[in-house]
Amino acid sequence: MSTIKIQEIEKDLHTFLRRVEAGEAFILFRDDQPIAEIKPVSTERKQRPFGLAARLFQVPADFNQPLPEDILNEYEGQ
């Protein structure tokens, strides 16, 4: 990753932005202090890996069973 000072960007912003568009990343410095990281925006949508939450949650055995009458009545406002 390259470093660049604010003064360098101000001199030729268009060239700097073209380099970022081409995939280059920079750390922006002001008075020898890093203040920002500038990098291209990723347009890729990464798919979530299959089984990401495996073993973190278990579906209860009675998941597909009808709800008890008292809960149904509360849900329906009775």
N, C-alpha and C. Protein backbone atom coordinates (compact mmCIF):
# COMPACT_ATOMS: atom_id res chain seq x y z
N MET A 1 0.85 -1.17 0.00
CA MET A 1 0.00 0.00 0.00
C MET A 1 0.89 1.23 0.00
N SER A 2 0.58 2.14 -0.88
CA SER A 2 1.36 3.37 -1.01
C SER A 2 0.93 4.40 0.02
N THR A 3 1.80 5.37 0.24
CA THR A 3 1.45 6.50 1.10
C THR A 3 1.43 7.75 0.24
N ILE A 4 0.61 8.70 0.65
CA ILE A 4 0.50 9.94 -0.11
C ILE A 4 0.13 11.07 0.85
N LYS A 5 0.64 12.25 0.58
CA LYS A 5 0.34 13.41 1.41
C LYS A 5 -0.80 14.21 0.77
N ILE A 6 -1.53 14.91 1.60
CA ILE A 6 -2.66 15.72 1.12
C ILE A 6 -2.21 16.68 0.03
N GLN A 7 -1.03 17.28 0.19
CA GLN A 7 -0.55 18.24 -0.80
C GLN A 7 -0.38 17.59 -2.17
N GLU A 8 0.06 16.33 -2.20
CA GLU A 8 0.24 15.62 -3.47
C GLU A 8 -1.10 15.38 -4.16
N ILE A 9 -2.11 15.05 -3.39
CA ILE A 9 -3.44 14.82 -3.96
C ILE A 9 -4.00 16.12 -4.51
N GLU A 10 -3.83 17.20 -3.77
CA GLU A 10 -4.36 18.49 -4.21
C GLU A 10 -3.76 18.93 -5.54
N LYS A 11 -2.52 18.56 -5.80
CA LYS A 11 -1.86 18.96 -7.05
C LYS A 11 -2.50 18.30 -8.27
N ASP A 12 -2.89 17.02 -8.14
CA ASP A 12 -3.41 16.31 -9.30
C ASP A 12 -4.42 15.25 -8.86
N LEU A 13 -5.58 15.72 -8.46
CA LEU A 13 -6.63 14.85 -7.95
C LEU A 13 -7.07 13.81 -8.97
N HIS A 14 -7.22 14.20 -10.22
CA HIS A 14 -7.72 13.28 -11.25
C HIS A 14 -6.78 12.09 -11.45
N THR A 15 -5.49 12.33 -11.46
CA THR A 15 -4.54 11.23 -11.61
C THR A 15 -4.61 10.30 -10.41
N PHE A 16 -4.70 10.87 -9.24
CA PHE A 16 -4.80 10.09 -8.02
C PHE A 16 -6.05 9.20 -8.06
N LEU A 17 -7.19 9.78 -8.45
CA LEU A 17 -8.42 9.01 -8.50
C LEU A 17 -8.37 7.90 -9.56
N ARG A 18 -7.71 8.16 -10.66
CA ARG A 18 -7.55 7.11 -11.69
C ARG A 18 -6.75 5.94 -11.13
N ARG A 19 -5.75 6.23 -10.33
CA ARG A 19 -4.94 5.16 -9.72
C ARG A 19 -5.78 4.34 -8.74
N VAL A 20 -6.64 5.01 -7.99
CA VAL A 20 -7.53 4.30 -7.07
C VAL A 20 -8.51 3.44 -7.87
N GLU A 21 -9.08 3.98 -8.92
CA GLU A 21 -9.99 3.21 -9.77
C GLU A 21 -9.31 1.98 -10.36
N ALA A 22 -8.02 2.08 -10.61
CA ALA A 22 -7.26 0.97 -11.18
C ALA A 22 -6.93 -0.09 -10.14
N GLY A 23 -7.27 0.17 -8.87
CA GLY A 23 -7.07 -0.84 -7.85
C GLY A 23 -6.02 -0.52 -6.81
N GLU A 24 -5.39 0.62 -6.93
CA GLU A 24 -4.33 0.98 -5.97
C GLU A 24 -4.95 1.53 -4.68
N ALA A 25 -4.31 1.22 -3.56
CA ALA A 25 -4.77 1.73 -2.26
C ALA A 25 -3.70 2.63 -1.66
N PHE A 26 -4.13 3.59 -0.87
CA PHE A 26 -3.21 4.58 -0.30
C PHE A 26 -3.53 4.82 1.17
N ILE A 27 -2.49 5.20 1.91
CA ILE A 27 -2.67 5.76 3.24
C ILE A 27 -2.38 7.24 3.11
N LEU A 28 -3.35 8.05 3.50
CA LEU A 28 -3.26 9.49 3.38
C LEU A 28 -2.64 10.08 4.64
N PHE A 29 -1.62 10.94 4.45
CA PHE A 29 -0.90 11.55 5.57
C PHE A 29 -1.11 13.05 5.59
N ARG A 30 -1.20 13.60 6.81
CA ARG A 30 -1.16 15.05 7.03
C ARG A 30 -0.09 15.28 8.08
N ASP A 31 0.91 16.06 7.76
CA ASP A 31 2.00 16.38 8.69
C ASP A 31 2.60 15.11 9.31
N ASP A 32 2.92 14.15 8.48
CA ASP A 32 3.55 12.90 8.90
C ASP A 32 2.68 12.04 9.82
N GLN A 33 1.38 12.31 9.85
CA GLN A 33 0.44 11.51 10.64
C GLN A 33 -0.57 10.85 9.69
N PRO A 34 -0.73 9.53 9.77
CA PRO A 34 -1.73 8.89 8.91
C PRO A 34 -3.13 9.29 9.36
N ILE A 35 -3.98 9.67 8.39
CA ILE A 35 -5.33 10.11 8.75
C ILE A 35 -6.42 9.31 8.05
N ALA A 36 -6.08 8.61 6.96
CA ALA A 36 -7.13 7.87 6.25
C ALA A 36 -6.51 6.81 5.36
N GLU A 37 -7.32 5.81 5.08
CA GLU A 37 -6.94 4.80 4.10
C GLU A 37 -7.91 4.96 2.93
N ILE A 38 -7.37 5.10 1.75
CA ILE A 38 -8.20 5.28 0.57
C ILE A 38 -7.97 4.09 -0.34
N LYS A 39 -9.08 3.41 -0.67
CA LYS A 39 -8.97 2.22 -1.50
C LYS A 39 -10.22 2.11 -2.37
N PRO A 40 -10.14 1.33 -3.43
CA PRO A 40 -11.31 1.18 -4.30
C PRO A 40 -12.46 0.51 -3.55
N VAL A 41 -13.65 0.84 -3.96
CA VAL A 41 -14.84 0.22 -3.39
C VAL A 41 -15.02 -1.14 -4.04
N SER A 42 -15.24 -2.14 -3.24
CA SER A 42 -15.46 -3.48 -3.76
C SER A 42 -16.90 -3.60 -4.23
N THR A 43 -17.07 -4.01 -5.47
CA THR A 43 -18.42 -4.19 -6.01
C THR A 43 -18.82 -5.65 -6.02
N GLU A 44 -17.92 -6.52 -5.56
CA GLU A 44 -18.24 -7.95 -5.50
C GLU A 44 -19.16 -8.22 -4.34
N ARG A 45 -20.15 -9.05 -4.58
CA ARG A 45 -21.01 -9.51 -3.48
C ARG A 45 -20.54 -10.90 -3.13
N LYS A 46 -20.00 -11.02 -1.96
CA LYS A 46 -19.52 -12.32 -1.52
C LYS A 46 -20.68 -13.11 -0.93
N GLN A 47 -20.79 -14.36 -1.36
CA GLN A 47 -21.83 -15.20 -0.80
C GLN A 47 -21.41 -15.68 0.57
N ARG A 48 -22.39 -15.79 1.45
CA ARG A 48 -22.11 -16.31 2.77
C ARG A 48 -21.81 -17.80 2.64
N PRO A 49 -20.83 -18.27 3.36
CA PRO A 49 -20.50 -19.70 3.27
C PRO A 49 -21.63 -20.57 3.83
N PHE A 50 -21.85 -21.69 3.19
CA PHE A 50 -22.87 -22.64 3.63
C PHE A 50 -22.47 -23.18 5.00
N GLY A 51 -23.43 -23.24 5.90
CA GLY A 51 -23.18 -23.78 7.23
C GLY A 51 -22.50 -22.80 8.17
N LEU A 52 -22.63 -21.51 7.90
CA LEU A 52 -21.96 -20.49 8.70
C LEU A 52 -22.31 -20.59 10.19
N ALA A 53 -23.57 -20.90 10.49
CA ALA A 53 -23.99 -20.97 11.89
C ALA A 53 -24.22 -22.42 12.34
N ALA A 54 -23.56 -23.34 11.68
CA ALA A 54 -23.74 -24.75 12.03
C ALA A 54 -23.41 -24.97 13.50
N ARG A 55 -24.23 -25.74 14.15
CA ARG A 55 -24.07 -26.12 15.55
C ARG A 55 -24.25 -24.94 16.53
N LEU A 56 -24.63 -23.77 16.04
CA LEU A 56 -24.89 -22.64 16.93
C LEU A 56 -26.36 -22.54 17.28
N PHE A 57 -27.20 -23.18 16.48
CA PHE A 57 -28.64 -23.13 16.69
C PHE A 57 -29.22 -24.47 16.28
N GLN A 58 -30.13 -24.98 17.08
CA GLN A 58 -30.80 -26.22 16.73
C GLN A 58 -32.29 -25.96 16.66
N VAL A 59 -32.90 -26.43 15.59
CA VAL A 59 -34.35 -26.30 15.44
C VAL A 59 -34.99 -27.29 16.41
N PRO A 60 -35.90 -26.83 17.25
CA PRO A 60 -36.55 -27.74 18.19
C PRO A 60 -37.32 -28.84 17.47
N ALA A 61 -37.43 -29.99 18.09
CA ALA A 61 -38.12 -31.13 17.48
C ALA A 61 -39.58 -30.81 17.21
N ASP A 62 -40.19 -29.95 18.02
CA ASP A 62 -41.62 -29.64 17.84
C ASP A 62 -41.85 -28.37 17.01
N PHE A 63 -40.89 -27.98 16.23
CA PHE A 63 -40.96 -26.74 15.46
C PHE A 63 -42.20 -26.68 14.56
N ASN A 64 -42.55 -27.77 13.91
CA ASN A 64 -43.67 -27.78 12.96
C ASN A 64 -45.00 -28.15 13.61
N GLN A 65 -45.02 -28.33 14.89
CA GLN A 65 -46.27 -28.67 15.60
C GLN A 65 -47.11 -27.41 15.78
N PRO A 66 -48.43 -27.57 15.80
CA PRO A 66 -49.30 -26.41 16.03
C PRO A 66 -49.00 -25.77 17.39
N LEU A 67 -49.21 -24.47 17.47
CA LEU A 67 -49.01 -23.75 18.73
C LEU A 67 -50.11 -24.12 19.70
N PRO A 68 -49.82 -24.05 21.00
CA PRO A 68 -50.87 -24.30 22.00
C PRO A 68 -52.00 -23.27 21.87
N GLU A 69 -53.19 -23.66 22.28
CA GLU A 69 -54.37 -22.80 22.15
C GLU A 69 -54.19 -21.44 22.82
N ASP A 70 -53.59 -21.41 24.02
CA ASP A 70 -53.45 -20.14 24.74
C ASP A 70 -52.56 -19.16 23.97
N ILE A 71 -51.52 -19.64 23.34
CA ILE A 71 -50.65 -18.76 22.56
C ILE A 71 -51.37 -18.29 21.30
N LEU A 72 -52.10 -19.19 20.64
CA LEU A 72 -52.87 -18.79 19.45
C LEU A 72 -53.92 -17.72 19.81
N ASN A 73 -54.57 -17.91 20.93
CA ASN A 73 -55.58 -16.94 21.37
C ASN A 73 -54.95 -15.57 21.63
N GLU A 74 -53.80 -15.54 22.27
CA GLU A 74 -53.11 -14.26 22.52
C GLU A 74 -52.70 -13.62 21.20
N TYR A 75 -52.21 -14.42 20.29
CA TYR A 75 -51.78 -13.90 18.99
C TYR A 75 -52.94 -13.28 18.24
N GLU A 76 -54.08 -13.93 18.33
CA GLU A 76 -55.27 -13.45 17.62
C GLU A 76 -56.03 -12.40 18.40
N GLY A 77 -55.54 -12.02 19.59
CA GLY A 77 -56.16 -10.97 20.37
C GLY A 77 -57.41 -11.39 21.11
N GLN A 78 -57.51 -12.65 21.44
CA GLN A 78 -58.71 -13.15 22.13
C GLN A 78 -58.45 -13.29 23.61
